[in-house]
Every structure is written in C-alpha cells, then in structure tokens.
C-alpha cells in the first residue's frame, strides 16, 4: 500500500497515512492531532523494489 504524506492547515502537524489507492480517492482523512479535514497533501519521492532478473 502506498504512503501518503499530509500537513494539517489548522495545526501544522505533518503526518503519514498508509492507504489503498481506492481509499485515498474516496476517503477524506483527518488530522490525528486536531481532527481537522483541512489537509494539504505533500508530494515526495517513492521507493520501488523489483525482482532482479538473471
């Protein structure tokens, strides 16, 4: 499952959520500190691990 990073616009807390892609599209997450839904998604690099071919 992908990790999504957010910053709360109300209290300024940065946090990470692990959500399925379908959950991310439908669900509006809330801040774990203040409960606000006024969030800004942060974009970051991702890591992919693939099988090594011989």
N, C-alpha and C. Protein backbone atom coordinates (compact mmCIF):
# COMPACT_ATOMS: atom_id res chain seq x y z
N UNK A 1 0.84 -1.18 0.00
CA UNK A 1 0.00 0.00 0.00
C UNK A 1 0.88 1.24 0.00
N UNK A 2 0.48 2.24 -0.75
CA UNK A 2 1.26 3.48 -0.79
C UNK A 2 1.14 4.29 0.50
N UNK A 3 2.15 5.09 0.75
CA UNK A 3 2.14 6.02 1.88
C UNK A 3 1.82 7.41 1.34
N UNK A 4 0.95 8.12 2.04
CA UNK A 4 0.58 9.47 1.67
C UNK A 4 0.96 10.41 2.81
N UNK A 5 1.63 11.49 2.48
CA UNK A 5 2.06 12.46 3.48
C UNK A 5 1.18 13.70 3.41
N UNK A 6 0.81 14.21 4.58
CA UNK A 6 -0.07 15.36 4.67
C UNK A 6 0.47 16.36 5.68
N UNK A 7 0.05 17.61 5.52
CA UNK A 7 0.27 18.66 6.51
C UNK A 7 -1.09 19.26 6.82
N UNK A 8 -1.40 19.38 8.10
CA UNK A 8 -2.66 19.97 8.53
C UNK A 8 -2.56 21.49 8.42
N UNK A 9 -3.54 22.11 7.78
CA UNK A 9 -3.56 23.56 7.64
C UNK A 9 -4.00 24.26 8.92
N UNK A 10 -4.63 23.53 9.83
CA UNK A 10 -5.10 24.12 11.09
C UNK A 10 -3.99 24.18 12.14
N UNK A 11 -3.35 23.02 12.41
CA UNK A 11 -2.36 22.97 13.49
C UNK A 11 -0.92 22.83 13.00
N UNK A 12 -0.73 22.55 11.71
CA UNK A 12 0.62 22.47 11.15
C UNK A 12 1.30 21.12 11.31
N UNK A 13 0.60 20.12 11.83
CA UNK A 13 1.21 18.81 12.04
C UNK A 13 1.43 18.10 10.72
N UNK A 14 2.62 17.51 10.55
CA UNK A 14 2.94 16.65 9.41
C UNK A 14 2.72 15.21 9.82
N UNK A 15 2.06 14.42 8.96
CA UNK A 15 1.84 13.01 9.28
C UNK A 15 1.74 12.20 8.01
N UNK A 16 1.89 10.89 8.16
CA UNK A 16 1.87 9.95 7.05
C UNK A 16 0.77 8.92 7.28
N UNK A 17 0.04 8.61 6.21
CA UNK A 17 -1.00 7.59 6.26
C UNK A 17 -0.72 6.54 5.21
N UNK A 18 -0.99 5.29 5.54
CA UNK A 18 -0.89 4.19 4.59
C UNK A 18 -2.30 3.85 4.15
N UNK A 19 -2.60 4.12 2.89
CA UNK A 19 -3.94 3.91 2.35
C UNK A 19 -3.89 3.16 1.04
N UNK A 20 -4.92 2.38 0.77
CA UNK A 20 -5.08 1.79 -0.56
C UNK A 20 -5.41 2.93 -1.52
N UNK A 21 -5.13 2.75 -2.79
CA UNK A 21 -5.41 3.79 -3.78
C UNK A 21 -6.89 4.12 -3.79
N UNK A 22 -7.75 3.11 -3.71
CA UNK A 22 -9.20 3.35 -3.70
C UNK A 22 -9.63 4.14 -2.46
N UNK A 23 -9.01 3.86 -1.30
CA UNK A 23 -9.32 4.62 -0.08
C UNK A 23 -8.89 6.07 -0.22
N UNK A 24 -7.72 6.28 -0.80
CA UNK A 24 -7.19 7.63 -0.97
C UNK A 24 -8.10 8.48 -1.85
N UNK A 25 -8.67 7.87 -2.89
CA UNK A 25 -9.54 8.60 -3.80
C UNK A 25 -10.89 8.94 -3.17
N UNK A 26 -11.43 8.06 -2.32
CA UNK A 26 -12.76 8.24 -1.74
C UNK A 26 -12.74 8.91 -0.37
N UNK A 27 -11.81 8.49 0.47
CA UNK A 27 -11.79 8.91 1.86
C UNK A 27 -11.12 10.27 2.03
N UNK A 28 -11.71 11.10 2.86
CA UNK A 28 -11.10 12.38 3.20
C UNK A 28 -10.49 12.21 4.59
N UNK A 29 -9.17 12.03 4.69
CA UNK A 29 -8.55 11.79 6.00
C UNK A 29 -8.63 13.01 6.91
N UNK A 30 -8.41 12.78 8.20
CA UNK A 30 -8.39 13.89 9.14
C UNK A 30 -7.11 13.85 9.96
N UNK A 31 -6.75 15.00 10.48
CA UNK A 31 -5.53 15.17 11.26
C UNK A 31 -5.62 14.37 12.56
N UNK A 32 -4.57 13.59 12.89
CA UNK A 32 -4.60 12.82 14.14
C UNK A 32 -4.45 13.69 15.39
N UNK A 33 -3.96 14.92 15.22
CA UNK A 33 -3.75 15.81 16.37
C UNK A 33 -5.00 16.63 16.71
N UNK A 34 -5.58 17.31 15.68
CA UNK A 34 -6.71 18.21 15.97
C UNK A 34 -8.03 17.76 15.34
N UNK A 35 -8.00 16.77 14.45
CA UNK A 35 -9.22 16.26 13.84
C UNK A 35 -9.71 17.03 12.63
N UNK A 36 -8.98 18.04 12.21
CA UNK A 36 -9.37 18.85 11.05
C UNK A 36 -9.24 18.05 9.76
N UNK A 37 -10.09 18.36 8.79
CA UNK A 37 -10.00 17.75 7.47
C UNK A 37 -9.38 18.72 6.46
N UNK A 38 -8.89 19.85 6.93
CA UNK A 38 -8.22 20.83 6.07
C UNK A 38 -6.75 20.44 5.95
N UNK A 39 -6.48 19.55 5.00
CA UNK A 39 -5.14 19.00 4.84
C UNK A 39 -4.56 19.37 3.48
N UNK A 40 -3.26 19.42 3.44
CA UNK A 40 -2.56 19.62 2.17
C UNK A 40 -1.66 18.41 1.96
N UNK A 41 -1.84 17.75 0.83
CA UNK A 41 -1.02 16.57 0.54
C UNK A 41 0.37 17.01 0.13
N UNK A 42 1.37 16.36 0.70
CA UNK A 42 2.76 16.63 0.37
C UNK A 42 3.24 15.58 -0.62
N UNK A 43 3.99 16.00 -1.59
CA UNK A 43 4.49 15.07 -2.59
C UNK A 43 5.94 14.76 -2.30
N UNK A 44 6.27 13.48 -2.37
CA UNK A 44 7.63 13.04 -2.05
C UNK A 44 8.05 11.94 -3.00
N UNK A 45 9.32 11.62 -2.96
CA UNK A 45 9.85 10.54 -3.79
C UNK A 45 9.30 9.21 -3.31
N UNK A 46 9.34 8.23 -4.18
CA UNK A 46 8.86 6.91 -3.78
C UNK A 46 9.96 5.89 -4.00
N UNK A 47 9.80 4.73 -3.39
CA UNK A 47 10.77 3.65 -3.47
C UNK A 47 10.08 2.44 -4.08
N UNK A 48 10.71 1.87 -5.08
CA UNK A 48 10.15 0.67 -5.72
C UNK A 48 11.21 -0.42 -5.72
N UNK A 49 10.82 -1.60 -5.32
CA UNK A 49 11.73 -2.74 -5.31
C UNK A 49 11.24 -3.73 -6.34
N UNK A 50 12.10 -4.09 -7.24
CA UNK A 50 11.73 -5.03 -8.30
C UNK A 50 12.57 -6.29 -8.19
N UNK A 51 12.11 -7.35 -8.81
CA UNK A 51 12.85 -8.60 -8.83
C UNK A 51 14.04 -8.47 -9.76
N UNK A 52 15.14 -9.04 -9.35
CA UNK A 52 16.35 -9.00 -10.17
C UNK A 52 16.29 -10.14 -11.18
N UNK A 53 16.41 -9.80 -12.44
CA UNK A 53 16.38 -10.81 -13.48
C UNK A 53 17.79 -11.38 -13.69
N UNK A 54 17.86 -12.68 -13.97
CA UNK A 54 19.18 -13.29 -14.17
C UNK A 54 19.50 -13.46 -15.64
